[in-house]
Amino acid sequence: MRIVIAGGHGKIALLLTRLAAGRGDTVVGLVRNPDHVQDVRDHGGDAVVLDLESASAEQVAAALAGADAAVFAAGAGPGSGTARKETVDRDAAALLADAALIAGVRRHVQISAMGIDRADDPGVDEVFAVYLRAKDAAERALRDRDLDWTILRPGRLTDDPAVGAVALAESVEPGAVSRADVAAVVLALLDDPGTAGLTVELVGGGTPVAEAVQSLPRTRAE
């Protein structure tokens, strides 16, 4: 499988690159900073320098050419302000989906976030509220595209080692999950076309990743 990852230098993206490359997949990470190319290569992938905040859909489509799947793993990061939540978490996600349509890359997994309905809750920080609204808008934009998409909403992310067991369903209780386990779930979702059309939540749990993905409701005949 040839997989193109937007946000290719992110922690989840690098873990996903190592997992996929380790089993023989070809992985290309889209990175904004040329200094990050070697990090992607060190994890077994290749990299294309492309700024998703300024690139056109046609430019991104060129990077997607020949891919079997696209993954949106980009994010403005915890230190960014409200403007970049919109240009990265919202707009870049829609850009990748549009580029996938142009390039004919139907399989698409988008990493979102749990709790996007909490943006208007009392006490929610303004920047975090903008982030949640951006993720919500990105999800809605993807659902509007004619792609074989799956939306994954992880809980609070940690850098703990992979456990290999999770709780994965259309709705789960809030909790934490390691980025390594998120990467494993993304790869399992990419492998399972029957999960297209699902929006699922993910936290740490007791079900092995492969079993958790197989237990999701089927959206198409297998």
C-alpha atoms as a PDB file:
ATOM      1  CA  MET A   1       0.000   0.000   0.000  1.00  0.00           C
ATOM      2  CA  ARG A   2       1.193   3.535  -0.755  1.00  0.00           C
ATOM      3  CA  ILE A   3       0.104   5.904   2.024  1.00  0.00           C
ATOM      4  CA  VAL A   4       0.453   9.683   2.007  1.00  0.00           C
ATOM      5  CA  ILE A   5       0.295  11.357   5.424  1.00  0.00           C
ATOM      6  CA  ALA A   6      -0.458  15.060   5.836  1.00  0.00           C
ATOM      7  CA  GLY A   7       1.370  16.330   8.887  1.00  0.00           C
ATOM      8  CA  GLY A   8       4.087  13.772   8.238  1.00  0.00           C
ATOM      9  CA  HIS A   9       6.403  15.001  10.993  1.00  0.00           C
ATOM     10  CA  GLY A  10       3.823  14.771  13.769  1.00  0.00           C
ATOM     11  CA  LYS A  11       4.267  12.214  16.520  1.00  0.00           C
ATOM     12  CA  ILE A  12       1.395   9.993  15.389  1.00  0.00           C
ATOM     13  CA  ALA A  13       2.470  10.325  11.759  1.00  0.00           C
ATOM     14  CA  LEU A  14       6.033   9.218  12.467  1.00  0.00           C
ATOM     15  CA  LEU A  15       4.814   6.248  14.497  1.00  0.00           C
ATOM     16  CA  LEU A  16       2.426   5.329  11.680  1.00  0.00           C
ATOM     17  CA  THR A  17       5.238   5.676   9.156  1.00  0.00           C
ATOM     18  CA  ARG A  18       7.434   3.273  11.105  1.00  0.00           C
ATOM     19  CA  LEU A  19       4.613   0.730  11.478  1.00  0.00           C
ATOM     20  CA  ALA A  20       3.557   0.842   7.841  1.00  0.00           C
ATOM     21  CA  ALA A  21       7.066   0.888   6.407  1.00  0.00           C
ATOM     22  CA  GLY A  22       8.027  -1.950   8.720  1.00  0.00           C
ATOM     23  CA  ARG A  23       5.518  -4.249   7.057  1.00  0.00           C
ATOM     24  CA  GLY A  24       6.502  -3.182   3.544  1.00  0.00           C
ATOM     25  CA  ASP A  25       4.188  -0.274   2.754  1.00  0.00           C
ATOM     26  CA  THR A  26       5.439   2.836   0.969  1.00  0.00           C
ATOM     27  CA  VAL A  27       4.837   5.935   3.086  1.00  0.00           C
ATOM     28  CA  VAL A  28       5.181   9.568   2.041  1.00  0.00           C
ATOM     29  CA  GLY A  29       4.914  12.300   4.638  1.00  0.00           C
ATOM     30  CA  LEU A  30       3.915  15.827   3.673  1.00  0.00           C
ATOM     31  CA  VAL A  31       6.027  18.214   5.770  1.00  0.00           C
ATOM     32  CA  ARG A  32       6.226  21.988   5.919  1.00  0.00           C
ATOM     33  CA  ASN A  33       9.808  22.267   7.147  1.00  0.00           C
ATOM     34  CA  PRO A  34      12.648  20.904   4.965  1.00  0.00           C
ATOM     35  CA  ASP A  35      14.565  20.135   8.162  1.00  0.00           C
ATOM     36  CA  HIS A  36      11.974  17.446   8.947  1.00  0.00           C
ATOM     37  CA  VAL A  37      12.585  15.379   5.816  1.00  0.00           C
ATOM     38  CA  GLN A  38      15.364  13.325   7.386  1.00  0.00           C
ATOM     39  CA  ASP A  39      13.246  12.489  10.438  1.00  0.00           C
ATOM     40  CA  VAL A  40      10.591  10.985   8.165  1.00  0.00           C
ATOM     41  CA  ARG A  41      13.254   9.024   6.299  1.00  0.00           C
ATOM     42  CA  ASP A  42      14.708   7.781   9.571  1.00  0.00           C
ATOM     43  CA  HIS A  43      11.292   6.274  10.333  1.00  0.00           C
ATOM     44  CA  GLY A  44      11.221   4.413   7.020  1.00  0.00           C
ATOM     45  CA  GLY A  45       9.267   6.825   4.840  1.00  0.00           C
ATOM     46  CA  ASP A  46       9.956   9.486   2.274  1.00  0.00           C
ATOM     47  CA  ALA A  47       8.910  13.134   2.486  1.00  0.00           C
ATOM     48  CA  VAL A  48       7.564  15.866   0.257  1.00  0.00           C
ATOM     49  CA  VAL A  49       8.014  19.466   1.382  1.00  0.00           C
ATOM     50  CA  LEU A  50       4.612  21.113   1.019  1.00  0.00           C
ATOM     51  CA  ASP A  51       2.994  23.807   3.143  1.00  0.00           C
ATOM     52  CA  LEU A  52      -0.685  22.931   3.477  1.00  0.00           C
ATOM     53  CA  GLU A  53      -1.458  26.479   4.590  1.00  0.00           C
ATOM     54  CA  SER A  54      -0.409  27.903   1.213  1.00  0.00           C
ATOM     55  CA  ALA A  55      -0.518  25.017  -1.281  1.00  0.00           C
ATOM     56  CA  SER A  56      -3.254  24.594  -3.858  1.00  0.00           C
ATOM     57  CA  ALA A  57      -5.406  21.488  -4.128  1.00  0.00           C
ATOM     58  CA  GLU A  58      -3.652  20.688  -7.404  1.00  0.00           C
ATOM     59  CA  GLN A  59      -0.224  20.831  -5.740  1.00  0.00           C
ATOM     60  CA  VAL A  60      -1.361  18.496  -2.979  1.00  0.00           C
ATOM     61  CA  ALA A  61      -2.989  16.212  -5.556  1.00  0.00           C
ATOM     62  CA  ALA A  62       0.366  15.904  -7.313  1.00  0.00           C
ATOM     63  CA  ALA A  63       1.889  14.652  -4.055  1.00  0.00           C
ATOM     64  CA  LEU A  64      -0.991  12.166  -3.715  1.00  0.00           C
ATOM     65  CA  ALA A  65      -0.598  10.774  -7.236  1.00  0.00           C
ATOM     66  CA  GLY A  66      -0.410   6.994  -7.204  1.00  0.00           C
ATOM     67  CA  ALA A  67      -1.372   6.650  -3.539  1.00  0.00           C
ATOM     68  CA  ASP A  68      -3.762   4.011  -2.248  1.00  0.00           C
ATOM     69  CA  ALA A  69      -4.740   6.012   0.820  1.00  0.00           C
ATOM     70  CA  ALA A  70      -4.403   9.416   2.457  1.00  0.00           C
ATOM     71  CA  VAL A  71      -4.206  10.174   6.167  1.00  0.00           C
ATOM     72  CA  PHE A  72      -4.808  13.577   7.707  1.00  0.00           C
ATOM     73  CA  ALA A  73      -2.641  13.727  10.812  1.00  0.00           C
ATOM     74  CA  ALA A  74      -1.759  17.416  10.734  1.00  0.00           C
ATOM     75  CA  GLY A  75      -2.425  19.840  13.544  1.00  0.00           C
ATOM     76  CA  ALA A  76      -1.398  23.346  14.505  1.00  0.00           C
ATOM     77  CA  GLY A  77      -0.116  22.091  17.855  1.00  0.00           C
ATOM     78  CA  PRO A  78      -0.775  23.106  21.463  1.00  0.00           C
ATOM     79  CA  GLY A  79       1.278  26.288  21.303  1.00  0.00           C
ATOM     80  CA  SER A  80      -0.523  27.805  18.337  1.00  0.00           C
ATOM     81  CA  GLY A  81      -3.180  30.509  18.408  1.00  0.00           C
ATOM     82  CA  THR A  82      -6.704  30.519  17.080  1.00  0.00           C
ATOM     83  CA  ALA A  83      -5.783  31.505  13.524  1.00  0.00           C
ATOM     84  CA  ARG A  84      -3.716  28.382  12.897  1.00  0.00           C
ATOM     85  CA  LYS A  85      -6.384  26.128  14.374  1.00  0.00           C
ATOM     86  CA  GLU A  86      -8.497  27.285  11.454  1.00  0.00           C
ATOM     87  CA  THR A  87      -5.831  27.245   8.737  1.00  0.00           C
ATOM     88  CA  VAL A  88      -4.396  23.841   9.720  1.00  0.00           C
ATOM     89  CA  ASP A  89      -6.939  21.810  11.696  1.00  0.00           C
ATOM     90  CA  ARG A  90      -9.855  22.980   9.551  1.00  0.00           C
ATOM     91  CA  ASP A  91      -8.687  24.297   6.172  1.00  0.00           C
ATOM     92  CA  ALA A  92      -5.772  21.930   5.566  1.00  0.00           C
ATOM     93  CA  ALA A  93      -8.034  18.959   6.277  1.00  0.00           C
ATOM     94  CA  ALA A  94     -10.512  20.108   3.648  1.00  0.00           C
ATOM     95  CA  LEU A  95      -7.628  20.797   1.255  1.00  0.00           C
ATOM     96  CA  LEU A  96      -6.354  17.232   1.573  1.00  0.00           C
ATOM     97  CA  ALA A  97      -9.833  15.872   0.909  1.00  0.00           C
ATOM     98  CA  ASP A  98     -10.198  18.037  -2.197  1.00  0.00           C
ATOM     99  CA  ALA A  99      -6.767  16.945  -3.389  1.00  0.00           C
ATOM    100  CA  ALA A 100      -7.695  13.314  -2.852  1.00  0.00           C
ATOM    101  CA  LEU A 101     -10.721  13.772  -5.084  1.00  0.00           C
ATOM    102  CA  ILE A 102      -8.554  15.306  -7.809  1.00  0.00           C
ATOM    103  CA  ALA A 103      -5.949  12.541  -7.506  1.00  0.00           C
ATOM    104  CA  GLY A 104      -8.523   9.763  -7.349  1.00  0.00           C
ATOM    105  CA  VAL A 105      -7.374   8.555  -3.925  1.00  0.00           C
ATOM    106  CA  ARG A 106     -10.593   7.317  -2.368  1.00  0.00           C
ATOM    107  CA  ARG A 107      -9.418   5.787   0.938  1.00  0.00           C
ATOM    108  CA  HIS A 108      -9.049   8.482   3.544  1.00  0.00           C
ATOM    109  CA  VAL A 109      -8.569   8.401   7.321  1.00  0.00           C
ATOM    110  CA  GLN A 110      -8.833  11.678   9.215  1.00  0.00           C
ATOM    111  CA  ILE A 111      -7.599  12.023  12.795  1.00  0.00           C
ATOM    112  CA  SER A 112      -9.983  14.288  14.675  1.00  0.00           C
ATOM    113  CA  ALA A 113     -10.637  14.621  18.417  1.00  0.00           C
ATOM    114  CA  MET A 114     -13.126  13.527  21.028  1.00  0.00           C
ATOM    115  CA  GLY A 115     -15.379  16.144  22.588  1.00  0.00           C
ATOM    116  CA  ILE A 116     -15.967  18.392  19.611  1.00  0.00           C
ATOM    117  CA  ASP A 117     -19.477  19.059  20.945  1.00  0.00           C
ATOM    118  CA  ARG A 118     -17.956  20.735  24.031  1.00  0.00           C
ATOM    119  CA  ALA A 119     -16.852  23.943  22.281  1.00  0.00           C
ATOM    120  CA  ASP A 120     -19.615  26.003  23.897  1.00  0.00           C
ATOM    121  CA  ASP A 121     -19.400  24.436  27.357  1.00  0.00           C
ATOM    122  CA  PRO A 122     -18.802  26.844  30.262  1.00  0.00           C
ATOM    123  CA  GLY A 123     -15.169  27.087  31.224  1.00  0.00           C
ATOM    124  CA  VAL A 124     -13.741  25.854  27.928  1.00  0.00           C
ATOM    125  CA  ASP A 125     -10.656  27.852  26.997  1.00  0.00           C
ATOM    126  CA  GLU A 126     -11.182  30.120  23.968  1.00  0.00           C
ATOM    127  CA  VAL A 127      -8.318  28.636  21.956  1.00  0.00           C
ATOM    128  CA  PHE A 128      -9.447  25.094  22.728  1.00  0.00           C
ATOM    129  CA  ALA A 129     -12.991  26.009  21.714  1.00  0.00           C
ATOM    130  CA  VAL A 130     -11.724  27.247  18.346  1.00  0.00           C
ATOM    131  CA  TYR A 131      -9.758  24.007  17.989  1.00  0.00           C
ATOM    132  CA  LEU A 132     -12.874  21.912  18.648  1.00  0.00           C
ATOM    133  CA  ARG A 133     -14.911  23.943  16.158  1.00  0.00           C
ATOM    134  CA  ALA A 134     -12.135  23.551  13.588  1.00  0.00           C
ATOM    135  CA  LYS A 135     -12.145  19.776  14.028  1.00  0.00           C
ATOM    136  CA  ASP A 136     -15.933  19.740  13.734  1.00  0.00           C
ATOM    137  CA  ALA A 137     -15.788  21.748  10.510  1.00  0.00           C
ATOM    138  CA  ALA A 138     -13.079  19.458   9.142  1.00  0.00           C
ATOM    139  CA  GLU A 139     -15.228  16.414   9.845  1.00  0.00           C
ATOM    140  CA  ARG A 140     -18.248  17.964   8.139  1.00  0.00           C
ATOM    141  CA  ALA A 141     -16.134  18.923   5.122  1.00  0.00           C
ATOM    142  CA  LEU A 142     -14.858  15.365   4.756  1.00  0.00           C
ATOM    143  CA  ARG A 143     -18.328  13.857   5.034  1.00  0.00           C
ATOM    144  CA  ASP A 144     -19.414  16.130   2.182  1.00  0.00           C
ATOM    145  CA  ARG A 145     -16.763  14.670  -0.144  1.00  0.00           C
ATOM    146  CA  ASP A 146     -17.332  11.509  -2.160  1.00  0.00           C
ATOM    147  CA  LEU A 147     -14.506   9.553  -0.541  1.00  0.00           C
ATOM    148  CA  ASP A 148     -14.191   6.303   1.380  1.00  0.00           C
ATOM    149  CA  TRP A 149     -13.493   8.144   4.610  1.00  0.00           C
ATOM    150  CA  THR A 150     -13.149   7.071   8.204  1.00  0.00           C
ATOM    151  CA  ILE A 151     -12.942   9.647  10.989  1.00  0.00           C
ATOM    152  CA  LEU A 152     -11.023   8.670  14.117  1.00  0.00           C
ATOM    153  CA  ARG A 153     -11.543  10.663  17.319  1.00  0.00           C
ATOM    154  CA  PRO A 154      -8.850   9.807  19.880  1.00  0.00           C
ATOM    155  CA  GLY A 155      -9.092  10.861  23.502  1.00  0.00           C
ATOM    156  CA  ARG A 156      -6.329  12.622  25.426  1.00  0.00           C
ATOM    157  CA  LEU A 157      -3.042  11.711  23.768  1.00  0.00           C
ATOM    158  CA  THR A 158      -0.018  10.414  25.658  1.00  0.00           C
ATOM    159  CA  ASP A 159       3.499   9.400  24.690  1.00  0.00           C
ATOM    160  CA  ASP A 160       3.263   6.110  26.585  1.00  0.00           C
ATOM    161  CA  PRO A 161       4.395   2.922  24.815  1.00  0.00           C
ATOM    162  CA  ALA A 162       1.862   1.034  22.769  1.00  0.00           C
ATOM    163  CA  VAL A 163      -0.346  -1.336  24.719  1.00  0.00           C
ATOM    164  CA  GLY A 164      -1.921  -2.926  21.661  1.00  0.00           C
ATOM    165  CA  ALA A 165      -5.368  -2.921  23.272  1.00  0.00           C
ATOM    166  CA  VAL A 166      -7.986  -0.169  23.030  1.00  0.00           C
ATOM    167  CA  ALA A 167     -11.617   0.810  23.392  1.00  0.00           C
ATOM    168  CA  LEU A 168     -12.912   1.701  19.927  1.00  0.00           C
ATOM    169  CA  ALA A 169     -16.551   2.361  19.077  1.00  0.00           C
ATOM    170  CA  GLU A 170     -18.899   5.026  17.788  1.00  0.00           C
ATOM    171  CA  SER A 171     -19.025   6.315  21.375  1.00  0.00           C
ATOM    172  CA  VAL A 172     -16.682   5.538  24.279  1.00  0.00           C
ATOM    173  CA  GLU A 173     -16.157   7.017  27.721  1.00  0.00           C
ATOM    174  CA  PRO A 174     -13.597   9.855  27.788  1.00  0.00           C
ATOM    175  CA  GLY A 175     -10.059   8.790  28.540  1.00  0.00           C
ATOM    176  CA  ALA A 176      -6.479   8.729  27.327  1.00  0.00           C
ATOM    177  CA  VAL A 177      -4.756   6.753  24.601  1.00  0.00           C
ATOM    178  CA  SER A 178      -1.137   6.512  23.546  1.00  0.00           C
ATOM    179  CA  ARG A 179      -0.115   7.981  20.223  1.00  0.00           C
ATOM    180  CA  ALA A 180       1.463   4.631  19.417  1.00  0.00           C
ATOM    181  CA  ASP A 181      -1.885   2.889  19.790  1.00  0.00           C
ATOM    182  CA  VAL A 182      -3.563   5.591  17.689  1.00  0.00           C
ATOM    183  CA  ALA A 183      -1.058   4.883  14.910  1.00  0.00           C
ATOM    184  CA  ALA A 184      -1.795   1.153  15.108  1.00  0.00           C
ATOM    185  CA  VAL A 185      -5.535   1.797  14.889  1.00  0.00           C
ATOM    186  CA  VAL A 186      -5.108   4.122  11.889  1.00  0.00           C
ATOM    187  CA  LEU A 187      -3.187   1.410  10.047  1.00  0.00           C
ATOM    188  CA  ALA A 188      -5.818  -1.198  10.893  1.00  0.00           C
ATOM    189  CA  LEU A 189      -8.569   1.134   9.676  1.00  0.00           C
ATOM    190  CA  LEU A 190      -6.728   1.721   6.402  1.00  0.00           C
ATOM    191  CA  ASP A 191      -6.631  -2.027   5.900  1.00  0.00           C
ATOM    192  CA  ASP A 192     -10.361  -2.423   6.466  1.00  0.00           C
ATOM    193  CA  PRO A 193     -12.492  -0.823   3.726  1.00  0.00           C
ATOM    194  CA  GLY A 194     -15.609  -1.883   5.616  1.00  0.00           C
ATOM    195  CA  THR A 195     -14.998   0.930   8.105  1.00  0.00           C
ATOM    196  CA  ALA A 196     -15.511   3.599   5.439  1.00  0.00           C
ATOM    197  CA  GLY A 197     -18.292   5.970   6.445  1.00  0.00           C
ATOM    198  CA  LEU A 198     -17.707   5.525  10.187  1.00  0.00           C
ATOM    199  CA  THR A 199     -16.863   8.125  12.809  1.00  0.00           C
ATOM    200  CA  VAL A 200     -15.361   6.340  15.809  1.00  0.00           C
ATOM    201  CA  GLU A 201     -13.901   7.276  19.176  1.00  0.00           C
ATOM    202  CA  LEU A 202     -10.756   5.782  20.659  1.00  0.00           C
ATOM    203  CA  VAL A 203      -9.245   5.497  24.137  1.00  0.00           C
ATOM    204  CA  GLY A 204      -7.085   2.941  25.866  1.00  0.00           C
ATOM    205  CA  GLY A 205      -8.859  -0.302  26.705  1.00  0.00           C
ATOM    206  CA  GLY A 206      -8.698  -4.051  26.822  1.00  0.00           C
ATOM    207  CA  THR A 207      -9.523  -5.148  23.266  1.00  0.00           C
ATOM    208  CA  PRO A 208      -6.663  -5.974  20.890  1.00  0.00           C
ATOM    209  CA  VAL A 209      -6.458  -3.448  18.046  1.00  0.00           C
ATOM    210  CA  ALA A 210      -7.266  -5.884  15.242  1.00  0.00           C
ATOM    211  CA  GLU A 211     -10.253  -7.270  17.135  1.00  0.00           C
ATOM    212  CA  ALA A 212     -11.489  -3.776  18.022  1.00  0.00           C
ATOM    213  CA  VAL A 213     -11.459  -2.694  14.379  1.00  0.00           C
ATOM    214  CA  GLN A 214     -13.078  -5.923  13.207  1.00  0.00           C
ATOM    215  CA  SER A 215     -15.838  -5.427  15.779  1.00  0.00           C
ATOM    216  CA  LEU A 216     -16.898  -2.070  14.326  1.00  0.00           C
ATOM    217  CA  PRO A 217     -20.192  -2.028  12.427  1.00  0.00           C
ATOM    218  CA  ARG A 218     -19.728  -2.860   8.763  1.00  0.00           C
ATOM    219  CA  THR A 219     -20.756  -0.129   6.356  1.00  0.00           C
ATOM    220  CA  ARG A 220     -20.443  -2.260   3.241  1.00  0.00           C
ATOM    221  CA  ALA A 221     -20.478  -5.889   2.191  1.00  0.00           C
ATOM    222  CA  GLU A 222     -17.166  -7.671   2.647  1.00  0.00           C
END
